[in-house]
Amino acid sequence: MTWKCSLAGIPYGGGKGGIACDPMNMSKKEKERLSRTYGARISPILGKWSDVPAPDMNTGGQEMVWIADTISKMRGEFEPALLTGKPVTFWGSQGRHEATGRGVATCGLELMKVLGKNPNSVTAIVQGFGNVGSYTAKTLSEAGVKIVAISDITGSYYSAGGIDIRKAFECVHSNPRRLLMNFDKVGNCEKIENDMFVDADFLFPCARDSMINRRTAGQIQARYIVEGANGPVTPEGDEILADKGVIIVPDFLANSGGVIGSYFEWAQNLQGDFWLEEKYNRKLVNLMKNNFRRVWDYAKAKKIRMRRAATMAAIQRVADVVEMRGLFL
């Protein structure tokens, strides 16, 4: 998270935290109690100028509302800038829900641009159809990219002629657990064993970490990978893909749209201002494009892979600030 925020050029540090549980097997009341208790426990470290949480895996706007409400009651005042990823009706920001997926897709489209590829002639796989994957697929599809395979915990779905992403959204929204269950029966596609191994130009792993590893990397047919999830490629998998000449856009560049979107929401909350969605999306896409181009140019200039280029650029920015601040004893 530190490198992601640094590379994105936003005034955040970086941290991660969560609860070890299975929310799929919990009732709404159980999740509420868990969220409120968690919020109460971490309340001492939270503040609009210290630590500002946002949702991640298996969490969303509802959990942020529960935590914000708990802390507000404990402190006797409401601080909207205390958390981000809130619903639009609860001091949230239009565009925030789609921000991570839109950012991932933007990096993919920018990679196509520097490679001289027309999106209308590109095929892609989007592994994972949660918040990140679904909006990655939607944004790519709207740009003309043919999505040939998608997946979630119910399985992988393939169509050589292209997945109808609109129908995929309808299927997910009609399912109580927001899953692609039975999509092969309504989406004019077939269920396959693993979408990662399908023949396509681009692969967008947006599910979970370590999916592309020593065992699976050799079976990847895509020539370009844009990491939507955090750490979807292990170091061993990374080396195998490098030997195959696969270009990878690293996670902390590609999926930084979420934290950039959180920064936008935080800034609006501090000002008591609300942007139109068009403004939010325009600023997000422009920033993602600029960050991609900076890393791409850095990689070419140094003759290194994009992951190392992104890491070096992020570390350099942090190191420059640490040196500038000096020591206080």
Protein backbone atom coordinates (compact mmCIF):
# COMPACT_ATOMS: atom_id res chain seq x y z
CA MET A 1 0.00 0.00 0.00
CA THR A 2 2.90 2.37 0.69
CA TRP A 3 4.32 1.84 -2.79
CA LYS A 4 0.86 2.03 -4.36
CA CYS A 5 0.12 5.39 -2.74
CA SER A 6 3.58 6.68 -3.55
CA LEU A 7 3.36 5.65 -7.19
CA ALA A 8 -0.13 7.15 -7.47
CA GLY A 9 1.20 10.45 -6.15
CA ILE A 10 -1.43 10.84 -3.41
CA PRO A 11 -0.81 12.00 0.19
CA TYR A 12 -1.37 8.66 1.91
CA GLY A 13 0.98 6.25 3.66
CA GLY A 14 -0.13 2.63 3.53
CA GLY A 15 -1.52 -0.19 5.64
CA LYS A 16 -3.74 -3.27 5.59
CA GLY A 17 -5.91 -4.94 8.17
CA GLY A 18 -8.87 -7.29 8.35
CA ILE A 19 -10.77 -10.06 10.07
CA ALA A 20 -10.21 -13.79 9.53
CA CYS A 21 -13.73 -15.09 8.86
CA ASP A 22 -16.00 -16.48 6.15
CA PRO A 23 -18.61 -13.77 5.40
CA MET A 24 -20.37 -16.06 2.92
CA ASN A 25 -21.59 -18.15 5.88
CA MET A 26 -22.59 -15.23 8.09
CA SER A 27 -25.93 -13.48 8.45
CA LYS A 28 -26.23 -9.73 7.95
CA LYS A 29 -26.60 -9.26 11.70
CA GLU A 30 -23.47 -11.29 12.36
CA LYS A 31 -21.52 -9.19 9.87
CA GLU A 32 -22.86 -6.02 11.45
CA ARG A 33 -21.77 -7.06 14.94
CA LEU A 34 -18.36 -8.08 13.65
CA SER A 35 -17.89 -4.82 11.72
CA ARG A 36 -18.99 -2.62 14.60
CA THR A 37 -16.77 -4.45 17.08
CA TYR A 38 -13.80 -4.21 14.71
CA GLY A 39 -14.47 -0.49 14.25
CA ALA A 40 -14.61 0.04 18.01
CA ARG A 41 -11.32 -1.81 18.52
CA ILE A 42 -9.39 0.17 15.89
CA SER A 43 -11.05 3.49 16.72
CA PRO A 44 -8.02 4.81 18.69
CA ILE A 45 -5.81 4.74 15.57
CA LEU A 46 -8.36 6.18 13.15
CA GLY A 47 -8.61 9.84 12.20
CA LYS A 48 -9.12 11.98 9.11
CA TRP A 49 -5.46 13.03 9.29
CA SER A 50 -4.00 9.77 10.63
CA ASP A 51 -5.55 6.50 9.38
CA VAL A 52 -8.44 6.43 6.89
CA PRO A 53 -9.78 2.91 6.16
CA ALA A 54 -11.56 1.80 2.99
CA PRO A 55 -13.26 -1.46 1.94
CA ASP A 56 -11.39 -4.36 0.38
CA MET A 57 -12.12 -8.07 -0.10
CA ASN A 58 -15.64 -9.08 1.00
CA THR A 59 -16.45 -5.62 2.31
CA GLY A 60 -18.23 -2.61 0.84
CA GLY A 61 -20.23 0.49 1.61
CA GLN A 62 -22.44 -1.21 4.18
CA GLU A 63 -19.50 -2.22 6.37
CA MET A 64 -18.12 1.33 6.16
CA VAL A 65 -21.47 2.72 7.33
CA TRP A 66 -21.51 0.37 10.32
CA ILE A 67 -17.97 1.32 11.32
CA ALA A 68 -18.54 5.05 10.77
CA ASP A 69 -21.76 4.94 12.80
CA THR A 70 -20.07 3.06 15.65
CA ILE A 71 -17.16 5.49 15.90
CA SER A 72 -19.46 8.51 15.56
CA LYS A 73 -21.49 7.33 18.55
CA MET A 74 -18.36 6.62 20.56
CA ARG A 75 -16.90 10.07 19.86
CA GLY A 76 -20.15 12.01 19.92
CA GLU A 77 -19.64 13.54 16.48
CA PHE A 78 -19.71 12.44 12.83
CA GLU A 79 -16.53 12.76 10.76
CA PRO A 80 -17.32 11.86 7.12
CA ALA A 81 -13.63 11.94 6.12
CA LEU A 82 -12.85 9.20 8.63
CA LEU A 83 -13.58 6.38 6.15
CA THR A 84 -13.93 6.10 2.38
CA GLY A 85 -15.83 3.73 0.13
CA LYS A 86 -19.07 4.88 1.73
CA PRO A 87 -22.40 4.76 -0.16
CA VAL A 88 -23.24 7.86 -2.17
CA THR A 89 -26.22 8.51 0.14
CA PHE A 90 -23.88 8.47 3.15
CA TRP A 91 -21.24 11.05 2.18
CA GLY A 92 -19.82 8.71 -0.45
CA SER A 93 -18.53 9.72 -3.87
CA GLN A 94 -20.07 9.05 -7.25
CA GLY A 95 -17.65 6.83 -9.20
CA ARG A 96 -15.89 5.33 -6.15
CA HIS A 97 -17.60 1.92 -6.46
CA GLU A 98 -16.28 1.42 -10.01
CA ALA A 99 -12.92 3.15 -9.47
CA THR A 100 -10.62 0.13 -9.01
CA GLY A 101 -12.01 -1.76 -11.99
CA ARG A 102 -12.02 1.36 -14.14
CA GLY A 103 -8.38 1.96 -13.23
CA VAL A 104 -7.37 -1.64 -14.05
CA ALA A 105 -9.09 -1.39 -17.43
CA THR A 106 -7.49 2.00 -18.10
CA CYS A 107 -4.02 0.50 -17.58
CA GLY A 108 -4.93 -2.35 -19.94
CA LEU A 109 -6.14 0.09 -22.59
CA GLU A 110 -3.00 2.22 -22.18
CA LEU A 111 -0.84 -0.88 -22.64
CA MET A 112 -2.75 -1.64 -25.84
CA LYS A 113 -2.09 1.92 -26.99
CA VAL A 114 1.70 1.82 -26.47
CA LEU A 115 1.78 -1.59 -28.18
CA GLY A 116 -0.14 -0.21 -31.16
CA LYS A 117 -3.11 -2.56 -30.63
CA ASN A 118 -6.68 -1.60 -31.49
CA PRO A 119 -9.00 -2.58 -28.60
CA ASN A 120 -11.56 -3.79 -31.15
CA SER A 121 -9.14 -6.53 -32.25
CA VAL A 122 -8.08 -7.60 -28.73
CA THR A 123 -9.38 -10.58 -26.75
CA ALA A 124 -9.23 -10.71 -22.97
CA ILE A 125 -9.89 -12.89 -19.92
CA VAL A 126 -11.12 -11.34 -16.68
CA GLN A 127 -10.57 -13.73 -13.80
CA GLY A 128 -12.86 -12.83 -10.91
CA PHE A 129 -16.20 -11.06 -11.31
CA GLY A 130 -16.46 -9.27 -8.00
CA ASN A 131 -16.34 -5.51 -7.69
CA VAL A 132 -12.93 -5.15 -9.38
CA GLY A 133 -13.33 -7.76 -12.10
CA SER A 134 -16.88 -6.86 -13.08
CA TYR A 135 -16.10 -3.19 -13.67
CA THR A 136 -12.81 -4.06 -15.35
CA ALA A 137 -14.78 -6.22 -17.79
CA LYS A 138 -17.47 -3.58 -18.25
CA THR A 139 -14.97 -0.79 -19.00
CA LEU A 140 -12.97 -2.98 -21.40
CA SER A 141 -16.13 -4.15 -23.16
CA GLU A 142 -17.33 -0.57 -23.61
CA ALA A 143 -13.95 0.23 -25.21
CA GLY A 144 -14.47 -2.57 -27.76
CA VAL A 145 -12.38 -5.36 -26.20
CA LYS A 146 -13.84 -8.85 -26.65
CA ILE A 147 -14.05 -10.56 -23.25
CA VAL A 148 -13.90 -14.30 -24.01
CA ALA A 149 -13.85 -15.63 -20.44
CA ILE A 150 -14.90 -14.58 -16.93
CA SER A 151 -15.08 -16.42 -13.62
CA ASP A 152 -15.91 -16.36 -9.93
CA ILE A 153 -16.15 -19.00 -7.19
CA THR A 154 -18.96 -20.76 -9.08
CA GLY A 155 -16.64 -21.55 -12.02
CA SER A 156 -15.25 -20.27 -15.32
CA TYR A 157 -17.39 -19.26 -18.30
CA TYR A 158 -16.15 -19.10 -21.89
CA SER A 159 -17.43 -17.90 -25.26
CA ALA A 160 -15.19 -17.61 -28.32
CA GLY A 161 -17.60 -15.03 -29.72
CA GLY A 162 -17.36 -12.90 -26.58
CA ILE A 163 -19.13 -12.83 -23.23
CA ASP A 164 -22.17 -10.55 -22.98
CA ILE A 165 -21.05 -8.49 -19.98
CA ARG A 166 -24.46 -6.88 -19.63
CA LYS A 167 -26.01 -10.32 -19.14
CA ALA A 168 -23.26 -11.23 -16.68
CA PHE A 169 -24.18 -8.20 -14.56
CA GLU A 170 -27.86 -9.18 -14.73
CA CYS A 171 -27.01 -12.72 -13.61
CA VAL A 172 -24.95 -11.47 -10.66
CA HIS A 173 -27.56 -8.94 -9.54
CA SER A 174 -30.30 -11.58 -9.65
CA ASN A 175 -28.32 -13.87 -7.36
CA PRO A 176 -28.65 -13.28 -3.58
CA ARG A 177 -24.93 -13.94 -3.13
CA ARG A 178 -23.97 -11.80 -6.16
CA LEU A 179 -22.46 -14.76 -8.04
CA LEU A 180 -22.37 -15.97 -11.66
CA MET A 181 -24.21 -19.15 -10.71
CA ASN A 182 -25.82 -20.83 -13.77
CA PHE A 183 -24.47 -18.12 -16.09
CA ASP A 184 -23.70 -20.82 -18.69
CA LYS A 185 -27.46 -21.41 -18.99
CA VAL A 186 -28.38 -17.76 -19.57
CA GLY A 187 -25.25 -16.19 -21.01
CA ASN A 188 -24.83 -18.20 -24.23
CA CYS A 189 -21.47 -19.55 -23.05
CA GLU A 190 -19.96 -22.77 -21.75
CA LYS A 191 -18.56 -23.66 -18.37
CA ILE A 192 -14.87 -24.61 -18.48
CA GLU A 193 -12.32 -25.80 -15.95
CA ASN A 194 -10.08 -22.72 -15.71
CA ASP A 195 -10.44 -19.42 -17.56
CA MET A 196 -6.79 -18.47 -16.92
CA PHE A 197 -5.60 -21.01 -19.47
CA VAL A 198 -7.82 -19.82 -22.34
CA ASP A 199 -6.12 -18.54 -25.50
CA ALA A 200 -6.47 -14.74 -25.39
CA ASP A 201 -4.28 -11.66 -25.82
CA PHE A 202 -4.75 -10.20 -22.35
CA LEU A 203 -5.36 -11.69 -18.91
CA PHE A 204 -6.75 -9.58 -16.07
CA PRO A 205 -6.42 -11.58 -12.81
CA CYS A 206 -8.89 -9.81 -10.51
CA ALA A 207 -9.71 -12.60 -8.06
CA ARG A 208 -7.19 -13.24 -5.30
CA ASP A 209 -3.48 -13.50 -4.61
CA SER A 210 -1.07 -16.22 -5.79
CA MET A 211 -3.36 -17.60 -8.53
CA ILE A 212 -0.51 -17.53 -11.06
CA ASN A 213 2.29 -19.51 -9.48
CA ARG A 214 4.96 -22.14 -10.13
CA ARG A 215 2.26 -24.69 -10.99
CA THR A 216 -0.02 -22.54 -13.19
CA ALA A 217 2.20 -19.93 -14.86
CA GLY A 218 3.43 -22.27 -17.59
CA GLN A 219 -0.14 -22.87 -18.76
CA ILE A 220 -0.93 -19.18 -19.29
CA GLN A 221 -1.41 -18.42 -23.00
CA ALA A 222 -2.00 -14.67 -22.73
CA ARG A 223 0.92 -12.47 -23.76
CA TYR A 224 -0.03 -9.54 -21.54
CA ILE A 225 -1.18 -9.53 -17.91
CA VAL A 226 -2.67 -6.59 -16.01
CA GLU A 227 -2.92 -7.37 -12.29
CA GLY A 228 -6.28 -6.37 -10.83
CA ALA A 229 -5.96 -8.37 -7.60
CA ASN A 230 -3.22 -7.81 -5.02
CA GLY A 231 -0.30 -10.16 -5.67
CA PRO A 232 -2.00 -12.50 -8.18
CA VAL A 233 1.41 -13.57 -9.55
CA THR A 234 3.94 -15.16 -7.19
CA PRO A 235 7.70 -14.47 -7.60
CA GLU A 236 8.14 -17.97 -9.07
CA GLY A 237 5.28 -17.41 -11.48
CA ASP A 238 6.71 -14.03 -12.40
CA GLU A 239 10.00 -15.59 -13.49
CA ILE A 240 8.27 -18.25 -15.58
CA LEU A 241 6.19 -15.60 -17.35
CA ALA A 242 9.25 -13.41 -17.89
CA ASP A 243 11.02 -16.31 -19.62
CA LYS A 244 7.99 -16.58 -21.91
CA GLY A 245 8.19 -12.87 -22.74
CA VAL A 246 4.91 -11.97 -21.05
CA ILE A 247 4.53 -8.26 -20.20
CA ILE A 248 2.97 -7.65 -16.76
CA VAL A 249 1.47 -4.42 -15.48
CA PRO A 250 2.01 -4.76 -11.68
CA ASP A 251 -0.83 -4.65 -9.17
CA PHE A 252 0.19 -1.54 -7.26
CA LEU A 253 0.05 0.43 -10.54
CA ALA A 254 -2.93 -1.26 -12.18
CA ASN A 255 -5.31 -1.48 -9.20
CA SER A 256 -4.44 1.86 -7.62
CA GLY A 257 -7.71 3.31 -8.93
CA GLY A 258 -9.36 2.24 -5.68
CA VAL A 259 -7.02 4.14 -3.38
CA ILE A 260 -6.97 7.11 -5.77
CA GLY A 261 -10.77 7.03 -5.66
CA SER A 262 -10.61 6.94 -1.87
CA TYR A 263 -8.37 9.99 -1.93
CA PHE A 264 -10.93 11.81 -4.09
CA GLU A 265 -13.73 10.91 -1.66
CA TRP A 266 -11.64 11.97 1.34
CA ALA A 267 -10.79 15.30 -0.29
CA GLN A 268 -14.47 15.96 -1.03
CA ASN A 269 -15.47 15.06 2.53
CA LEU A 270 -12.87 17.43 4.01
CA GLN A 271 -14.26 20.24 1.85
CA GLY A 272 -17.92 19.32 2.28
CA ASP A 273 -18.08 19.15 -1.52
CA PHE A 274 -19.57 16.60 -3.95
CA TRP A 275 -18.29 16.09 -7.48
CA LEU A 276 -20.32 14.95 -10.45
CA GLU A 277 -19.42 11.43 -11.58
CA GLU A 278 -18.05 12.78 -14.86
CA LYS A 279 -15.50 14.91 -13.01
CA TYR A 280 -14.53 12.02 -10.74
CA ASN A 281 -14.01 9.62 -13.65
CA ARG A 282 -12.14 12.17 -15.74
CA LYS A 283 -9.66 12.93 -12.95
CA LEU A 284 -9.24 9.22 -12.16
CA VAL A 285 -8.60 8.16 -15.77
CA ASN A 286 -6.17 11.03 -16.40
CA LEU A 287 -4.16 10.18 -13.29
CA MET A 288 -4.08 6.46 -14.15
CA LYS A 289 -2.92 7.24 -17.69
CA ASN A 290 -0.15 9.53 -16.46
CA ASN A 291 1.05 6.99 -13.88
CA PHE A 292 1.05 4.19 -16.45
CA ARG A 293 3.03 6.26 -18.95
CA ARG A 294 5.58 7.27 -16.29
CA VAL A 295 6.24 3.63 -15.35
CA TRP A 296 6.28 2.48 -18.99
CA ASP A 297 8.81 5.18 -19.96
CA TYR A 298 10.91 4.43 -16.86
CA ALA A 299 10.96 0.71 -17.72
CA LYS A 300 12.02 1.42 -21.30
CA ALA A 301 14.69 3.90 -20.27
CA LYS A 302 16.20 1.53 -17.68
CA LYS A 303 15.56 -1.61 -19.81
CA ILE A 304 13.80 -3.36 -16.93
CA ARG A 305 10.43 -5.02 -16.41
CA MET A 306 7.44 -2.92 -15.38
CA ARG A 307 7.21 -4.38 -11.89
CA ARG A 308 10.75 -3.36 -11.07
CA ALA A 309 10.28 0.03 -12.73
CA ALA A 310 7.14 0.71 -10.68
CA THR A 311 8.87 -0.39 -7.48
CA MET A 312 11.93 1.76 -8.12
CA ALA A 313 9.84 4.82 -8.97
CA ALA A 314 7.71 4.40 -5.84
CA ILE A 315 10.66 3.82 -3.52
CA GLN A 316 12.50 6.81 -4.96
CA ARG A 317 9.58 9.12 -4.19
CA VAL A 318 9.38 7.89 -0.57
CA ALA A 319 13.19 8.09 -0.16
CA ASP A 320 13.26 11.67 -1.48
CA VAL A 321 10.66 12.78 1.07
CA VAL A 322 12.38 10.95 3.96
CA GLU A 323 15.66 12.66 3.05
CA MET A 324 13.94 16.02 2.69
CA ARG A 325 12.33 15.77 6.13
CA GLY A 326 15.58 14.85 7.86
CA LEU A 327 15.77 13.73 11.50
CA PHE A 328 14.07 15.03 14.61
CA LEU A 329 15.61 13.74 17.84
